[in-house]
N, C-alpha and C. Protein backbone atom coordinates (compact mmCIF):
# COMPACT_ATOMS: atom_id res chain seq x y z
N MET A 1 14.04 -2.61 -71.45
CA MET A 1 13.43 -3.88 -71.13
C MET A 1 14.36 -4.73 -72.49
N ARG A 2 14.66 -5.86 -72.18
CA ARG A 2 14.90 -6.59 -73.52
C ARG A 2 14.17 -7.53 -73.66
N LYS A 3 13.37 -7.79 -75.02
CA LYS A 3 12.29 -8.53 -75.33
C LYS A 3 12.01 -9.99 -74.61
N ASN A 4 13.82 -10.78 -75.02
CA ASN A 4 13.82 -11.86 -74.32
C ASN A 4 14.52 -12.11 -72.93
N GLY A 5 14.59 -11.21 -72.14
CA GLY A 5 14.88 -10.67 -70.96
C GLY A 5 13.93 -10.97 -69.93
N THR A 6 14.38 -10.99 -68.87
CA THR A 6 13.81 -11.52 -67.27
C THR A 6 12.57 -10.49 -66.73
N ALA A 7 12.79 -9.24 -67.31
CA ALA A 7 11.69 -8.27 -66.85
C ALA A 7 10.22 -9.01 -67.67
N MET A 8 10.51 -9.12 -69.05
CA MET A 8 9.47 -9.49 -69.97
C MET A 8 8.86 -11.02 -69.63
N SER A 9 9.76 -11.67 -69.03
CA SER A 9 9.17 -13.33 -68.26
C SER A 9 8.33 -12.81 -67.03
N ASP A 10 9.56 -11.82 -65.94
CA ASP A 10 8.62 -11.69 -65.06
C ASP A 10 7.22 -11.24 -65.04
N ALA A 11 7.13 -10.55 -66.07
CA ALA A 11 5.90 -9.49 -66.25
C ALA A 11 4.65 -10.71 -66.76
N PHE A 12 5.14 -11.49 -67.68
CA PHE A 12 4.27 -12.39 -68.33
C PHE A 12 3.93 -13.42 -67.43
N GLU A 13 5.15 -14.00 -66.47
CA GLU A 13 4.52 -14.93 -64.91
C GLU A 13 3.32 -14.28 -64.36
N SER A 14 3.62 -12.85 -64.25
CA SER A 14 2.85 -12.18 -63.22
C SER A 14 1.49 -12.38 -63.71
N LYS A 15 1.03 -12.05 -65.02
CA LYS A 15 -0.03 -11.46 -65.40
C LYS A 15 -1.00 -13.15 -65.70
N PHE A 16 0.36 -13.83 -66.22
CA PHE A 16 -0.52 -15.20 -66.08
C PHE A 16 -1.00 -15.93 -64.57
N GLU A 17 -0.24 -15.63 -63.65
CA GLU A 17 -0.78 -16.31 -62.26
C GLU A 17 -2.00 -15.52 -61.87
N GLU A 18 -1.94 -14.25 -62.32
CA GLU A 18 -3.23 -13.57 -61.89
C GLU A 18 -4.39 -14.03 -62.47
N TYR A 19 -3.90 -14.84 -64.07
CA TYR A 19 -5.36 -15.00 -64.76
C TYR A 19 -5.84 -16.40 -64.09
N LEU A 20 -4.75 -16.91 -63.62
CA LEU A 20 -4.73 -18.57 -63.44
C LEU A 20 -6.06 -18.41 -61.98
N GLU A 21 -5.53 -17.44 -61.27
CA GLU A 21 -6.74 -17.10 -60.26
C GLU A 21 -7.42 -16.48 -59.89
N SER A 22 -8.19 -16.13 -61.30
CA SER A 22 -9.74 -15.08 -61.49
C SER A 22 -10.67 -16.19 -61.68
N ASP A 23 -11.65 -15.49 -61.91
CA ASP A 23 -12.86 -16.14 -62.02
C ASP A 23 -13.12 -16.68 -63.16
N ALA A 24 -12.90 -15.99 -64.22
CA ALA A 24 -12.72 -16.24 -65.59
C ALA A 24 -12.08 -17.73 -65.94
N TYR A 25 -11.00 -17.62 -65.39
CA TYR A 25 -10.04 -18.78 -65.84
C TYR A 25 -10.81 -20.17 -64.86
N GLU A 26 -11.64 -19.93 -63.72
CA GLU A 26 -12.28 -21.11 -63.09
C GLU A 26 -13.35 -21.29 -63.86
N LYS A 27 -14.29 -20.90 -64.50
CA LYS A 27 -15.24 -20.73 -65.40
C LYS A 27 -14.79 -21.56 -66.80
N SER A 28 -13.89 -21.15 -67.37
CA SER A 28 -13.51 -21.65 -68.37
C SER A 28 -12.70 -23.18 -68.35
N GLU A 29 -11.91 -23.30 -67.06
CA GLU A 29 -11.66 -24.66 -66.62
C GLU A 29 -12.52 -25.33 -66.20
N GLY A 30 -13.85 -25.39 -65.72
CA GLY A 30 -14.88 -25.91 -65.64
C GLY A 30 -15.72 -26.38 -66.70
N LEU A 31 -15.90 -25.18 -67.61
CA LEU A 31 -16.36 -25.63 -68.79
C LEU A 31 -15.73 -26.54 -69.86
N LEU A 32 -14.49 -26.35 -69.79
CA LEU A 32 -13.55 -27.41 -70.44
C LEU A 32 -13.83 -28.52 -70.09
N PHE A 33 -13.47 -28.99 -68.63
CA PHE A 33 -13.78 -30.21 -68.33
C PHE A 33 -14.91 -30.99 -68.35
N SER A 34 -16.26 -30.19 -68.58
CA SER A 34 -17.61 -30.79 -68.75
C SER A 34 -17.48 -31.27 -70.27
N ALA A 35 -16.90 -30.72 -71.27
CA ALA A 35 -16.64 -31.11 -72.56
C ALA A 35 -15.97 -32.17 -72.96
N VAL A 36 -14.62 -32.18 -72.08
CA VAL A 36 -14.13 -33.38 -72.10
C VAL A 36 -14.62 -34.70 -71.48
N ARG A 37 -15.34 -34.25 -70.44
CA ARG A 37 -15.75 -35.52 -70.25
C ARG A 37 -17.01 -36.18 -70.92
N ALA A 38 -18.09 -35.07 -71.77
CA ALA A 38 -18.77 -35.46 -72.48
C ALA A 38 -18.78 -35.98 -73.49
N ALA A 39 -17.11 -35.90 -74.17
CA ALA A 39 -16.80 -36.46 -75.11
C ALA A 39 -16.30 -37.77 -75.17
N TYR A 40 -15.52 -37.93 -73.67
CA TYR A 40 -15.03 -39.23 -73.29
C TYR A 40 -16.39 -40.37 -72.92
N LYS A 41 -17.49 -39.49 -72.63
CA LYS A 41 -18.22 -40.53 -72.13
C LYS A 41 -19.12 -41.08 -73.61
N ALA A 42 -19.01 -40.14 -74.56
CA ALA A 42 -20.03 -40.48 -75.70
C ALA A 42 -18.94 -41.51 -76.56
N GLY A 43 -17.40 -41.50 -76.37
CA GLY A 43 -17.06 -42.56 -76.95
C GLY A 43 -17.05 -43.73 -76.23
N TRP A 44 -17.16 -43.69 -74.86
CA TRP A 44 -17.17 -44.63 -74.14
C TRP A 44 -18.23 -45.90 -74.70
N ARG A 45 -19.29 -45.02 -74.55
CA ARG A 45 -20.71 -45.31 -75.16
C ARG A 45 -20.55 -46.06 -76.51
N ALA A 46 -20.12 -45.30 -77.54
CA ALA A 46 -19.94 -45.84 -78.88
C ALA A 46 -18.83 -47.09 -78.92
N ALA A 47 -18.11 -47.18 -78.36
CA ALA A 47 -17.16 -48.65 -78.15
C ALA A 47 -18.10 -49.31 -77.25
N GLY A 48 -19.11 -49.27 -76.64
CA GLY A 48 -20.08 -50.52 -76.40
C GLY A 48 -19.81 -50.29 -74.90
N GLY A 49 -19.14 -49.38 -74.25
CA GLY A 49 -19.17 -49.49 -72.76
C GLY A 49 -20.62 -49.26 -71.99
N ASP A 50 -20.70 -49.90 -70.79
CA ASP A 50 -21.91 -50.07 -69.93
C ASP A 50 -22.54 -48.60 -69.90
N PHE A 51 -24.24 -48.43 -70.17
CA PHE A 51 -24.62 -47.08 -69.89
C PHE A 51 -24.05 -46.41 -68.63
N LEU A 52 -23.73 -45.31 -68.61
CA LEU A 52 -23.16 -43.87 -67.44
C LEU A 52 -24.08 -43.55 -66.82
N PRO A 53 -24.47 -43.21 -65.73
CA PRO A 53 -25.77 -42.73 -65.15
C PRO A 53 -25.48 -41.00 -65.72
N ALA A 54 -26.13 -39.93 -65.97
CA ALA A 54 -25.80 -38.55 -66.08
C ALA A 54 -24.94 -38.15 -64.63
N LEU A 55 -23.90 -37.67 -64.54
CA LEU A 55 -23.67 -36.92 -63.51
C LEU A 55 -23.38 -35.59 -63.57
N GLU A 56 -23.66 -34.71 -62.75
CA GLU A 56 -23.28 -33.54 -62.70
C GLU A 56 -22.25 -33.14 -61.87
N LEU A 57 -21.39 -33.02 -61.98
CA LEU A 57 -19.84 -32.81 -61.37
C LEU A 57 -19.63 -31.35 -61.50
N LEU A 58 -20.29 -30.34 -62.27
CA LEU A 58 -20.37 -29.11 -61.77
C LEU A 58 -21.55 -28.26 -62.00
N PRO A 59 -22.32 -28.63 -61.08
CA PRO A 59 -23.83 -28.27 -61.13
C PRO A 59 -23.91 -26.57 -61.02
N GLN A 60 -23.02 -26.08 -60.56
CA GLN A 60 -22.94 -24.32 -60.54
C GLN A 60 -22.97 -24.11 -61.99
N GLN A 61 -21.81 -24.80 -63.24
CA GLN A 61 -21.89 -24.25 -64.18
C GLN A 61 -22.89 -24.88 -65.13
N SER A 62 -23.77 -25.58 -64.82
CA SER A 62 -25.07 -25.97 -65.35
C SER A 62 -25.69 -25.50 -65.13
N GLU A 63 -25.97 -24.92 -64.00
CA GLU A 63 -27.02 -23.92 -63.81
C GLU A 63 -26.81 -22.33 -64.53
N GLN A 64 -25.88 -21.96 -64.58
CA GLN A 64 -25.51 -20.99 -65.26
C GLN A 64 -25.64 -20.76 -66.28
N MET A 65 -25.54 -21.92 -67.31
CA MET A 65 -25.56 -22.30 -68.67
C MET A 65 -26.93 -22.24 -68.66
N GLN A 66 -27.87 -22.71 -68.16
CA GLN A 66 -29.14 -22.84 -68.33
C GLN A 66 -29.72 -21.23 -68.34
N THR A 67 -29.63 -20.70 -67.18
CA THR A 67 -30.08 -19.20 -67.02
C THR A 67 -29.27 -18.36 -68.49
N ASN A 68 -28.39 -18.53 -68.82
CA ASN A 68 -27.98 -17.84 -69.82
C ASN A 68 -28.43 -17.91 -71.40
């Protein structure tokens, strides 16, 4: 196999697709979304934006984080 060849690319794409469909990726994606949303909300408030009520967009993630 060549390092820059199609066989290596196919193996990479296959493993990457497998990861994207995994529970680990779903959890990571949810946590990242929550962190970005919290940072945006803090910036919004700091810039004088209206108070935003606390929303739980990912209640399953919040419950898991509290029990761990």
